[in-house]
Structures are given as structure tokens and as C-alpha cells.
Amino acid sequence: SGSCVVFINGETRSALLQNFTITNGNASNSNVSTGDGGGGIHIYGSSPTLKDLIVANNVASDYGAGIAIGFDSNPLLDNIIISENSASRGGGLSVFVYSNPDIQNSIISNNVSYNKGGGVVILDNCSPTFENVQITGNTATGSGGGIYAENSSFTLDGVTVSNNTSTGDDPLISEAGGISCL
């Protein structure tokens, strides 16, 4: 088990992954230095271009079952469908530790988080940009059914966040089915 596709060697945007379906990855208890994230695609310290992909039915015991982007990574994601993935944090997509991806013309739908960010989780000094993206039908058992962001910022331009659910019951936190920011 492990991630289906890994970018960990400092790849730039000239590295292109295009026209694939990425499915059935399992980043759980993988004992790799990059952690248990990115069942479908794991981007670590790299900035490739991902285009015209379907990333579906992947799992991760920690973060970003569909796609995990972390540690100073600034990739371009264009025309990506991220769907039916499940993880502890960021069922569909996780962005963490000084990463600033550009996500455009994409759909993040029907993903599940067993903690925060059913569709997307953004953590630790990141500033992703979302343009013409649909974030819909995602579920978190904690906060942020659509998007959960903590100690980060993000830009939404032409983005629809709809029909997301948070089932958390922590009385100290506003659980937010759509977007939760701390």
C-alpha cells in the first residue's frame, strides 16, 4: 500500500501528469518519511502540473486521501475531479506547511473526513488559490464539511461551496458545514 503517484524530488511545474485516472491508493501506516497522506497523489516539496485527472476512491489514515500537497509545494491543478476519497483530515485535498497551490477548473465532491475538512483541509501557513472550482457534497465528522482552514489563508474566485455537511458536536467550535476558519 501507499500513494499511487508521488512527487518528492523537487519537481517543477514542467513535470506534467495528464489524462489519467488515479484510484485505489492507500496511504495508511505506510512508514514512509512523507507520512500517511495522499492516497492518490502525494506532492512533497515539489510543484508539478496536474491536468485532466480523475482522483477517486483513495484512502489515507491521516491527510489528503485524494491529493496531499505539503512542505513548500506550489503545484498547478487544472481540470481535476477529486471524488469519493476518505481520510482523517482533508478527505479530498490537503494543503499544508507553506504550500500555495493553484487549483482551477476542478470539482471536489463526495469526499469524507473523519475529522476536519471533508473536501479540503488547509493548515500551517498556506495560501492556496481556487478559481472556478466546485466544492460540493463533502462530509466532515469534525469541522468544515467543504473547507477547513487553520493558520492559513485562501482565495476563492468563481467557487461554489454547496451541500457540504459537518456532523461534529464540539460545543466549543463552530462546526460549519461549508467553510470553517480558525
Protein backbone atom coordinates (compact mmCIF):
# COMPACT_ATOMS: atom_id res chain seq x y z
CA SER A 1 0.00 0.00 0.00
CA GLY A 2 0.96 3.64 -0.41
CA SER A 3 0.35 6.59 -2.67
CA CYS A 4 -0.39 5.86 -6.33
CA VAL A 5 1.72 8.81 -7.57
CA VAL A 6 4.46 10.61 -5.63
CA PHE A 7 6.32 13.86 -6.38
CA ILE A 8 9.11 14.20 -3.78
CA ASN A 9 12.22 15.20 -5.72
CA GLY A 10 11.67 18.95 -6.13
CA GLU A 11 9.80 18.62 -9.44
CA THR A 12 8.79 21.95 -11.02
CA ARG A 13 5.67 22.85 -12.99
CA SER A 14 7.36 21.47 -16.12
CA ALA A 15 6.71 17.98 -14.68
CA LEU A 16 3.27 17.10 -16.10
CA LEU A 17 0.82 14.37 -15.08
CA GLN A 18 -2.11 14.45 -17.53
CA ASN A 19 -5.06 12.33 -18.72
CA PHE A 20 -5.09 9.62 -16.04
CA THR A 21 -7.49 8.15 -13.52
CA ILE A 22 -5.79 7.71 -10.14
CA THR A 23 -7.71 5.26 -7.96
CA ASN A 24 -7.50 2.78 -5.08
CA GLY A 25 -4.41 4.30 -3.41
CA ASN A 26 -4.00 3.56 0.28
CA ALA A 27 -1.65 5.79 2.28
CA SER A 28 -2.20 4.15 5.64
CA ASN A 29 0.53 3.02 8.01
CA SER A 30 2.95 3.24 5.11
CA ASN A 31 6.02 4.00 7.26
CA VAL A 32 7.38 6.48 4.72
CA SER A 33 9.06 9.76 5.61
CA THR A 34 6.30 11.80 3.95
CA GLY A 35 3.64 10.37 6.27
CA ASP A 36 0.26 8.73 5.77
CA GLY A 37 -1.27 11.12 3.26
CA GLY A 38 -2.01 11.38 -0.41
CA GLY A 39 -3.53 8.00 -1.16
CA GLY A 40 -3.99 9.11 -4.76
CA ILE A 41 -1.22 11.69 -5.24
CA HIS A 42 1.36 12.89 -2.71
CA ILE A 43 3.25 16.12 -3.50
CA TYR A 44 6.04 16.88 -1.01
CA GLY A 45 8.48 19.75 -1.59
CA SER A 46 7.58 19.77 -5.30
CA SER A 47 5.46 21.83 -7.71
CA PRO A 48 4.31 19.72 -10.67
CA THR A 49 1.42 20.39 -13.03
CA LEU A 50 -1.57 18.04 -12.75
CA LYS A 51 -4.06 18.29 -15.59
CA ASP A 52 -7.19 16.45 -16.77
CA LEU A 53 -7.20 13.85 -13.98
CA ILE A 54 -9.79 11.88 -12.04
CA VAL A 55 -8.63 11.13 -8.49
CA ALA A 56 -11.19 8.83 -6.87
CA ASN A 57 -11.69 6.12 -4.27
CA ASN A 58 -8.41 6.62 -2.42
CA VAL A 59 -7.85 6.43 1.35
CA ALA A 60 -5.32 7.83 3.83
CA SER A 61 -5.10 7.25 7.55
CA ASP A 62 -4.01 10.86 8.09
CA TYR A 63 -4.42 13.58 5.43
CA GLY A 64 -5.46 14.24 1.85
CA ALA A 65 -6.71 10.87 0.62
CA GLY A 66 -7.17 12.21 -2.91
CA ILE A 67 -4.26 14.64 -3.13
CA ALA A 68 -1.85 15.76 -0.38
CA ILE A 69 0.25 18.89 -1.04
CA GLY A 70 2.84 19.85 1.56
CA PHE A 71 6.15 21.34 2.59
CA ASP A 72 6.74 24.30 0.26
CA SER A 73 4.88 22.82 -2.71
CA ASN A 74 3.25 25.13 -5.26
CA PRO A 75 1.69 22.90 -7.94
CA LEU A 76 -0.91 23.75 -10.56
CA LEU A 77 -4.05 21.58 -10.57
CA ASP A 78 -6.20 22.15 -13.67
CA ASN A 79 -9.38 20.25 -14.58
CA ILE A 80 -9.15 17.72 -11.76
CA ILE A 81 -12.06 15.71 -10.37
CA ILE A 82 -11.37 14.70 -6.75
CA SER A 83 -14.18 12.44 -5.59
CA GLU A 84 -15.12 9.62 -3.19
CA ASN A 85 -11.88 9.75 -1.15
CA SER A 86 -11.62 9.42 2.65
CA ALA A 87 -9.03 10.47 5.25
CA SER A 88 -8.76 11.69 8.81
CA ARG A 89 -8.10 15.27 7.61
CA GLY A 90 -8.90 16.62 4.15
CA GLY A 91 -10.82 13.76 2.59
CA GLY A 92 -10.34 15.11 -0.93
CA LEU A 93 -7.41 17.53 -0.75
CA SER A 94 -4.96 18.65 1.92
CA VAL A 95 -2.67 21.67 1.67
CA PHE A 96 -0.15 22.12 4.47
CA VAL A 97 3.14 23.66 5.63
CA TYR A 98 3.93 26.71 3.48
CA SER A 99 2.31 25.41 0.29
CA ASN A 100 0.49 27.63 -2.21
CA PRO A 101 -1.09 25.59 -5.00
CA ASP A 102 -3.27 26.99 -7.78
CA ILE A 103 -6.42 24.88 -8.20
CA GLN A 104 -8.59 25.74 -11.20
CA ASN A 105 -11.48 24.35 -13.25
CA SER A 106 -11.91 21.47 -10.82
CA ILE A 107 -14.52 19.56 -8.82
CA ILE A 108 -14.01 18.38 -5.24
CA SER A 109 -17.04 16.28 -4.36
CA ASN A 110 -18.36 13.48 -2.16
CA ASN A 111 -15.22 13.10 -0.05
CA VAL A 112 -15.19 12.24 3.66
CA SER A 113 -13.01 13.37 6.54
CA TYR A 114 -13.17 11.64 9.89
CA ASN A 115 -12.00 14.89 11.47
CA LYS A 116 -11.61 18.23 9.66
CA GLY A 117 -12.13 19.31 6.06
CA GLY A 118 -14.34 16.84 4.22
CA GLY A 119 -13.45 18.36 0.86
CA VAL A 120 -10.33 20.41 1.65
CA VAL A 121 -8.11 20.99 4.69
CA ILE A 122 -5.61 23.89 4.68
CA LEU A 123 -3.08 24.01 7.54
CA ASP A 124 0.10 25.77 8.67
CA ASN A 125 0.84 28.97 6.74
CA CYS A 126 -0.56 28.13 3.32
CA SER A 127 -2.30 30.35 0.74
CA PRO A 128 -3.91 28.24 -1.98
CA THR A 129 -5.93 29.85 -4.76
CA PHE A 130 -9.14 28.26 -6.03
CA GLU A 131 -10.57 29.51 -9.34
CA ASN A 132 -13.70 28.11 -11.00
CA VAL A 133 -13.93 25.21 -8.55
CA GLN A 134 -16.98 23.34 -7.21
CA ILE A 135 -16.71 22.00 -3.65
CA THR A 136 -19.87 20.04 -3.06
CA GLY A 137 -21.34 17.07 -1.23
CA ASN A 138 -18.38 16.55 1.13
CA THR A 139 -18.69 15.47 4.78
CA ALA A 140 -16.58 16.01 7.89
CA THR A 141 -17.28 14.43 11.26
CA GLY A 142 -15.50 17.45 12.77
CA SER A 143 -15.34 20.97 11.32
CA GLY A 144 -15.55 22.24 7.75
CA GLY A 145 -17.55 19.89 5.59
CA GLY A 146 -16.41 21.79 2.48
CA ILE A 147 -13.23 23.59 3.61
CA TYR A 148 -11.39 23.71 6.93
CA ALA A 149 -8.55 26.24 7.25
CA GLU A 150 -6.32 26.84 10.26
CA ASN A 151 -3.41 29.32 10.49
CA SER A 152 -3.69 29.86 6.72
CA SER A 153 -5.49 31.99 4.16
CA PHE A 154 -7.04 31.12 0.82
CA THR A 155 -8.54 32.83 -2.22
CA LEU A 156 -11.83 31.79 -3.79
CA ASP A 157 -12.67 33.19 -7.25
CA GLY A 158 -15.74 31.82 -9.03
CA VAL A 159 -16.01 28.99 -6.47
CA THR A 160 -19.21 27.23 -5.42
CA VAL A 161 -19.25 25.67 -1.95
CA SER A 162 -22.57 23.84 -1.52
CA ASN A 163 -24.31 20.87 0.08
CA ASN A 164 -21.40 20.02 2.39
CA THR A 165 -22.01 18.63 5.87
CA SER A 166 -20.34 18.73 9.26
CA THR A 167 -21.61 16.27 11.83
CA GLY A 168 -19.33 17.36 14.70
CA ASP A 169 -20.76 18.19 18.09
CA ASP A 170 -17.95 20.02 19.91
CA PRO A 171 -19.69 22.85 21.82
CA LEU A 172 -16.51 24.98 21.78
CA ILE A 173 -16.15 25.02 17.99
CA SER A 174 -18.47 26.27 15.28
CA GLU A 175 -18.55 23.14 13.15
CA ALA A 176 -19.55 24.78 9.82
CA GLY A 177 -20.84 22.50 7.10
CA GLY A 178 -19.48 24.79 4.36
CA ILE A 179 -16.30 26.64 5.44
CA SER A 180 -14.64 26.70 8.85
CA CYS A 181 -11.69 29.02 9.53
CA LEU A 182 -9.60 29.25 12.68
